[in-house]
């Protein structure tokens, strides 16, 4: 395990162990970016927010249809369905289905009908 690399004035680096790896280098519990900012420590996982690589994050489900957040899927679905963005045949079929759903939903809303989501 690498020692803490937090600069400690005249003595060089902190040198404490155990450490976790951060962007500025290995840090002990007293010198993590969160500890220096006075914030609580993040959970013990390597996953960034809204992306799960470990399968143990609380919001993760094994049945995510797509690997992008839902708010960006609308734009991506239109680009994929139109052929402006490359995708696998399965992804293109899913995008075309999503665009068709959006068109039907929009038409129902224009006519004053309720959506199945309500």
N, C-alpha and C. Protein backbone atom coordinates (compact mmCIF):
# COMPACT_ATOMS: atom_id res chain seq x y z
N UNK A 1 0.85 -1.18 0.00
CA UNK A 1 0.00 0.00 0.00
C UNK A 1 0.90 1.24 0.00
N UNK A 2 0.55 2.19 -0.84
CA UNK A 2 1.32 3.42 -0.95
C UNK A 2 1.01 4.34 0.24
N UNK A 3 2.00 5.08 0.70
CA UNK A 3 1.76 6.03 1.80
C UNK A 3 1.05 7.29 1.31
N UNK A 4 0.50 8.03 2.25
CA UNK A 4 -0.20 9.28 1.94
C UNK A 4 0.78 10.28 1.34
N UNK A 5 0.36 10.93 0.27
CA UNK A 5 1.24 11.89 -0.42
C UNK A 5 0.81 13.34 -0.21
N UNK A 6 0.07 13.61 0.87
CA UNK A 6 -0.35 14.97 1.14
C UNK A 6 0.87 15.76 1.62
N UNK A 7 1.17 16.92 0.99
CA UNK A 7 2.32 17.70 1.41
C UNK A 7 2.16 18.20 2.85
N UNK A 8 3.18 17.96 3.65
CA UNK A 8 3.09 18.25 5.08
C UNK A 8 4.16 19.26 5.50
N UNK A 9 4.23 20.35 4.80
CA UNK A 9 5.16 21.42 5.18
C UNK A 9 6.62 21.02 5.05
N UNK A 10 7.39 21.23 6.11
CA UNK A 10 8.84 21.02 6.08
C UNK A 10 9.22 19.55 6.07
N UNK A 11 8.35 18.67 6.55
CA UNK A 11 8.72 17.25 6.64
C UNK A 11 8.46 16.48 5.36
N UNK A 12 7.95 17.10 4.32
CA UNK A 12 7.67 16.41 3.06
C UNK A 12 6.22 15.96 2.99
N UNK A 13 6.02 14.66 2.82
CA UNK A 13 4.66 14.12 2.71
C UNK A 13 4.21 13.53 4.03
N UNK A 14 2.90 13.33 4.19
CA UNK A 14 2.33 12.80 5.42
C UNK A 14 2.87 11.40 5.69
N UNK A 15 2.75 10.48 4.72
CA UNK A 15 3.33 9.15 4.85
C UNK A 15 2.47 8.14 5.61
N UNK A 16 1.28 8.51 6.05
CA UNK A 16 0.45 7.59 6.82
C UNK A 16 -0.15 6.51 5.91
N UNK A 17 -0.47 5.38 6.52
CA UNK A 17 -1.18 4.30 5.84
C UNK A 17 -2.31 3.84 6.73
N UNK A 18 -3.38 3.26 6.31
CA UNK A 18 -3.75 2.90 4.94
C UNK A 18 -4.26 4.12 4.17
N UNK A 19 -4.24 3.99 2.87
CA UNK A 19 -4.67 5.09 2.00
C UNK A 19 -5.65 4.60 0.96
N UNK A 20 -6.35 5.57 0.34
CA UNK A 20 -7.19 5.32 -0.82
C UNK A 20 -6.66 6.18 -1.95
N UNK A 21 -6.86 5.75 -3.16
CA UNK A 21 -6.35 6.50 -4.30
C UNK A 21 -7.36 7.58 -4.72
N UNK A 22 -6.88 8.79 -4.90
CA UNK A 22 -7.66 9.92 -5.38
C UNK A 22 -6.92 10.56 -6.54
N UNK A 23 -7.54 11.51 -7.23
CA UNK A 23 -6.88 12.16 -8.36
C UNK A 23 -5.55 12.81 -7.99
N UNK A 24 -5.46 13.50 -6.83
CA UNK A 24 -4.17 14.10 -6.49
C UNK A 24 -3.15 13.10 -5.96
N UNK A 25 -3.52 11.84 -5.82
CA UNK A 25 -2.59 10.82 -5.32
C UNK A 25 -3.21 10.04 -4.16
N UNK A 26 -2.43 9.17 -3.54
CA UNK A 26 -2.90 8.39 -2.40
C UNK A 26 -3.03 9.30 -1.18
N UNK A 27 -4.16 9.17 -0.47
CA UNK A 27 -4.41 10.00 0.71
C UNK A 27 -4.90 9.15 1.87
N UNK A 28 -4.48 9.50 3.07
CA UNK A 28 -4.98 8.84 4.28
C UNK A 28 -6.34 9.45 4.64
N UNK A 29 -7.00 8.90 5.65
CA UNK A 29 -8.35 9.35 6.01
C UNK A 29 -8.36 10.82 6.45
N UNK A 30 -7.28 11.33 7.01
CA UNK A 30 -7.24 12.73 7.46
C UNK A 30 -7.03 13.72 6.31
N UNK A 31 -6.52 13.26 5.18
CA UNK A 31 -6.18 14.17 4.09
C UNK A 31 -6.94 13.90 2.80
N UNK A 32 -8.07 13.23 2.86
CA UNK A 32 -8.87 13.03 1.65
C UNK A 32 -9.46 14.37 1.22
N UNK A 33 -9.82 14.51 -0.05
CA UNK A 33 -10.43 15.77 -0.49
C UNK A 33 -11.68 16.14 0.32
N UNK A 34 -12.48 15.14 0.67
CA UNK A 34 -13.69 15.42 1.46
C UNK A 34 -13.32 15.88 2.87
N UNK A 35 -12.33 15.24 3.49
CA UNK A 35 -11.93 15.63 4.84
C UNK A 35 -11.36 17.05 4.85
N UNK A 36 -10.59 17.40 3.85
CA UNK A 36 -10.02 18.74 3.78
C UNK A 36 -11.09 19.81 3.55
N UNK A 37 -12.19 19.42 2.86
CA UNK A 37 -13.29 20.35 2.63
C UNK A 37 -14.31 20.34 3.77
N UNK A 38 -14.13 19.44 4.74
CA UNK A 38 -15.06 19.36 5.87
C UNK A 38 -16.36 18.64 5.53
N UNK A 39 -16.33 17.78 4.53
CA UNK A 39 -17.52 17.04 4.09
C UNK A 39 -17.42 15.58 4.50
N UNK A 40 -18.54 14.84 4.53
CA UNK A 40 -18.46 13.42 4.85
C UNK A 40 -17.81 12.64 3.71
N UNK A 41 -17.26 11.50 4.04
CA UNK A 41 -16.59 10.68 3.04
C UNK A 41 -17.61 10.05 2.09
N UNK A 42 -17.26 9.90 0.82
CA UNK A 42 -18.16 9.21 -0.11
C UNK A 42 -18.19 7.72 0.20
N UNK A 43 -19.18 6.98 -0.32
CA UNK A 43 -19.23 5.54 -0.06
C UNK A 43 -18.04 4.82 -0.66
N UNK A 44 -17.74 3.67 -0.14
CA UNK A 44 -16.59 2.88 -0.58
C UNK A 44 -16.93 2.18 -1.90
N UNK A 45 -16.85 2.90 -3.00
CA UNK A 45 -17.11 2.34 -4.32
C UNK A 45 -16.30 3.10 -5.35
N UNK A 46 -16.06 2.49 -6.47
CA UNK A 46 -15.30 3.14 -7.53
C UNK A 46 -16.21 3.77 -8.57
N UNK A 47 -17.51 3.75 -8.34
CA UNK A 47 -18.47 4.22 -9.33
C UNK A 47 -18.71 5.73 -9.22
N UNK A 48 -18.68 6.44 -10.35
CA UNK A 48 -19.06 7.86 -10.33
C UNK A 48 -20.58 7.98 -10.23
N UNK A 49 -21.11 9.17 -9.94
CA UNK A 49 -22.56 9.33 -9.83
C UNK A 49 -23.29 8.94 -11.12
N UNK A 50 -24.43 8.26 -10.97
CA UNK A 50 -25.31 7.82 -12.05
C UNK A 50 -24.68 6.83 -13.02
N UNK A 51 -23.53 6.29 -12.69
CA UNK A 51 -22.91 5.23 -13.48
C UNK A 51 -22.48 4.15 -12.51
N UNK A 52 -22.98 2.95 -12.67
CA UNK A 52 -22.62 1.87 -11.75
C UNK A 52 -21.81 0.83 -12.49
N UNK A 53 -20.60 0.57 -12.01
CA UNK A 53 -19.76 -0.46 -12.57
C UNK A 53 -19.66 -1.67 -11.64
N UNK A 54 -20.04 -1.49 -10.38
CA UNK A 54 -19.90 -2.57 -9.39
C UNK A 54 -21.16 -3.39 -9.22
N UNK A 55 -22.34 -2.85 -9.56
CA UNK A 55 -23.59 -3.55 -9.38
C UNK A 55 -24.11 -3.52 -7.96
N UNK A 56 -23.51 -2.71 -7.08
CA UNK A 56 -23.92 -2.66 -5.69
C UNK A 56 -24.42 -1.28 -5.28
N UNK A 57 -24.46 -0.33 -6.18
CA UNK A 57 -24.96 1.01 -5.85
C UNK A 57 -26.46 0.94 -5.58
N UNK A 58 -26.96 1.78 -4.68
CA UNK A 58 -28.35 1.69 -4.25
C UNK A 58 -29.36 1.97 -5.35
N UNK A 59 -29.03 2.79 -6.33
CA UNK A 59 -29.97 3.15 -7.38
C UNK A 59 -29.86 2.25 -8.60
N UNK A 60 -28.86 1.37 -8.64
CA UNK A 60 -28.61 0.53 -9.80
C UNK A 60 -29.61 -0.61 -9.88
N UNK A 61 -30.09 -0.92 -11.08
CA UNK A 61 -30.91 -2.10 -11.31
C UNK A 61 -30.29 -2.89 -12.45
N UNK A 62 -30.38 -4.20 -12.43
CA UNK A 62 -29.75 -4.99 -13.49
C UNK A 62 -30.47 -4.90 -14.82
N UNK A 63 -31.64 -4.24 -14.86
CA UNK A 63 -32.42 -4.19 -16.08
C UNK A 63 -32.45 -2.81 -16.70
N UNK A 64 -31.37 -2.04 -16.57
CA UNK A 64 -31.31 -0.74 -17.23
C UNK A 64 -31.36 -0.96 -18.74
N UNK A 65 -32.33 -0.32 -19.41
CA UNK A 65 -32.44 -0.51 -20.86
C UNK A 65 -31.25 0.07 -21.60
N UNK A 66 -30.76 1.19 -21.12
CA UNK A 66 -29.70 1.88 -21.82
C UNK A 66 -28.69 2.37 -20.80
N UNK A 67 -27.48 2.60 -21.26
CA UNK A 67 -26.43 3.03 -20.34
C UNK A 67 -26.32 4.54 -20.23
N UNK A 68 -27.35 5.27 -20.64
CA UNK A 68 -27.35 6.72 -20.53
C UNK A 68 -28.50 7.16 -19.63
N UNK A 69 -28.40 8.27 -18.95
CA UNK A 69 -29.51 8.77 -18.15
C UNK A 69 -30.74 9.03 -19.01
N UNK A 70 -31.92 8.89 -18.45
CA UNK A 70 -33.15 8.97 -19.23
C UNK A 70 -33.37 10.33 -19.88
N UNK A 71 -32.87 11.41 -19.27
CA UNK A 71 -33.11 12.73 -19.85
C UNK A 71 -32.32 12.94 -21.14
N UNK A 72 -31.23 12.24 -21.36
CA UNK A 72 -30.49 12.39 -22.61
C UNK A 72 -30.91 11.36 -23.64
N UNK A 73 -31.68 10.34 -23.23
CA UNK A 73 -32.07 9.30 -24.18
C UNK A 73 -33.00 9.85 -25.26
N UNK A 74 -33.84 10.81 -24.95
CA UNK A 74 -34.76 11.36 -25.93
C UNK A 74 -33.99 11.93 -27.12
N UNK A 75 -32.99 12.71 -26.86
CA UNK A 75 -32.18 13.29 -27.93
C UNK A 75 -31.44 12.20 -28.67
N UNK A 76 -30.84 11.26 -27.95
CA UNK A 76 -30.10 10.18 -28.59
C UNK A 76 -31.02 9.30 -29.42
N UNK A 77 -32.22 9.02 -28.93
CA UNK A 77 -33.15 8.16 -29.67
C UNK A 77 -33.50 8.78 -31.01
N UNK A 78 -33.74 10.06 -31.03
CA UNK A 78 -34.07 10.72 -32.29
C UNK A 78 -32.91 10.66 -33.27
N UNK A 79 -31.70 10.89 -32.76
CA UNK A 79 -30.51 10.87 -33.63
C UNK A 79 -30.25 9.45 -34.14
N UNK A 80 -30.42 8.46 -33.29
CA UNK A 80 -30.18 7.07 -33.71
C UNK A 80 -31.26 6.63 -34.70
N UNK A 81 -32.52 6.94 -34.40
CA UNK A 81 -33.62 6.52 -35.27
C UNK A 81 -33.51 7.16 -36.66
N UNK A 82 -33.00 8.38 -36.73
CA UNK A 82 -32.88 9.05 -38.03
C UNK A 82 -31.65 8.60 -38.81
N UNK A 83 -30.75 7.88 -38.16
CA UNK A 83 -29.54 7.42 -38.83
C UNK A 83 -28.39 8.40 -38.73
N UNK A 84 -28.56 9.51 -38.02
CA UNK A 84 -27.49 10.49 -37.88
C UNK A 84 -26.42 10.05 -36.88
N UNK A 85 -26.79 9.08 -36.03
CA UNK A 85 -25.83 8.57 -35.06
C UNK A 85 -25.76 7.05 -35.22
N UNK A 86 -24.56 6.52 -35.25
CA UNK A 86 -24.39 5.09 -35.44
C UNK A 86 -24.80 4.32 -34.20
N UNK A 87 -25.39 3.16 -34.43
CA UNK A 87 -25.79 2.28 -33.33
C UNK A 87 -26.00 0.88 -33.89
N UNK A 88 -26.05 -0.09 -32.99
CA UNK A 88 -26.32 -1.47 -33.40
C UNK A 88 -27.76 -1.58 -33.90
N UNK A 89 -28.07 -2.62 -34.65
CA UNK A 89 -29.46 -2.78 -35.11
C UNK A 89 -30.46 -2.87 -33.96
N UNK A 90 -30.07 -3.52 -32.86
CA UNK A 90 -30.96 -3.62 -31.70
C UNK A 90 -31.22 -2.25 -31.09
N UNK A 91 -30.18 -1.45 -30.96
CA UNK A 91 -30.31 -0.11 -30.39
C UNK A 91 -31.14 0.78 -31.31
N UNK A 92 -30.96 0.62 -32.64
CA UNK A 92 -31.73 1.42 -33.58
C UNK A 92 -33.21 1.06 -33.51
N UNK A 93 -33.51 -0.23 -33.38
CA UNK A 93 -34.91 -0.66 -33.25
C UNK A 93 -35.52 -0.10 -31.97
N UNK A 94 -34.77 -0.13 -30.86
CA UNK A 94 -35.27 0.43 -29.60
C UNK A 94 -35.49 1.93 -29.73
N UNK A 95 -34.59 2.61 -30.42
CA UNK A 95 -34.73 4.05 -30.61
C UNK A 95 -35.94 4.38 -31.47
N UNK A 96 -36.17 3.60 -32.51
CA UNK A 96 -37.33 3.85 -33.36
C UNK A 96 -38.63 3.61 -32.58
N UNK A 97 -38.64 2.60 -31.73
CA UNK A 97 -39.83 2.34 -30.90
C UNK A 97 -40.06 3.49 -29.93
N UNK A 98 -38.98 3.99 -29.34
CA UNK A 98 -39.09 5.11 -28.40
C UNK A 98 -39.62 6.36 -29.09
N UNK A 99 -39.13 6.65 -30.29
CA UNK A 99 -39.60 7.82 -31.04
C UNK A 99 -41.07 7.65 -31.40
N UNK A 100 -41.48 6.44 -31.78
CA UNK A 100 -42.89 6.19 -32.10
C UNK A 100 -43.76 6.40 -30.86
N UNK A 101 -43.30 5.93 -29.70
CA UNK A 101 -44.03 6.15 -28.44
C UNK A 101 -44.18 7.64 -28.16
N UNK A 102 -43.10 8.39 -28.37
CA UNK A 102 -43.14 9.84 -28.13
C UNK A 102 -44.15 10.51 -29.05
N UNK A 103 -44.18 10.10 -30.31
CA UNK A 103 -45.13 10.70 -31.26
C UNK A 103 -46.56 10.40 -30.85
N UNK A 104 -46.83 9.14 -30.45
CA UNK A 104 -48.19 8.77 -30.02
C UNK A 104 -48.59 9.56 -28.77
N UNK A 105 -47.67 9.68 -27.82
CA UNK A 105 -47.95 10.42 -26.59
C UNK A 105 -48.24 11.88 -26.90
N UNK A 106 -47.45 12.47 -27.79
CA UNK A 106 -47.64 13.87 -28.16
C UNK A 106 -48.99 14.06 -28.85
N UNK A 107 -49.37 13.11 -29.72
CA UNK A 107 -50.65 13.21 -30.41
C UNK A 107 -51.81 13.10 -29.42
N UNK A 108 -51.72 12.20 -28.45
CA UNK A 108 -52.77 12.07 -27.44
C UNK A 108 -52.90 13.34 -26.62
N UNK A 109 -51.76 13.94 -26.27
CA UNK A 109 -51.79 15.17 -25.48
C UNK A 109 -52.42 16.32 -26.27
N UNK A 110 -52.14 16.40 -27.55
CA UNK A 110 -52.72 17.46 -28.38
C UNK A 110 -54.22 17.32 -28.49
N UNK A 111 -54.70 16.08 -28.51
CA UNK A 111 -56.15 15.84 -28.60
C UNK A 111 -56.83 15.96 -27.24
N UNK A 112 -56.06 16.12 -26.19
CA UNK A 112 -56.62 16.28 -24.87
C UNK A 112 -56.81 14.98 -24.13
N UNK A 113 -56.29 13.90 -24.65
CA UNK A 113 -56.43 12.60 -23.99
C UNK A 113 -55.40 12.43 -22.89
N UNK A 114 -55.70 11.53 -21.98
CA UNK A 114 -54.77 11.24 -20.88
C UNK A 114 -53.72 10.26 -21.35
N UNK A 115 -52.54 10.37 -20.79
CA UNK A 115 -51.47 9.44 -21.10
C UNK A 115 -51.55 8.24 -20.17
N UNK A 116 -51.03 7.08 -20.56
CA UNK A 116 -51.06 5.92 -19.67
C UNK A 116 -50.21 6.12 -18.41
N UNK A 117 -49.31 7.12 -18.44
CA UNK A 117 -48.46 7.37 -17.28
C UNK A 117 -49.26 7.98 -16.13
N UNK A 118 -50.40 8.59 -16.39
CA UNK A 118 -51.16 9.29 -15.36
C UNK A 118 -52.03 8.34 -14.59
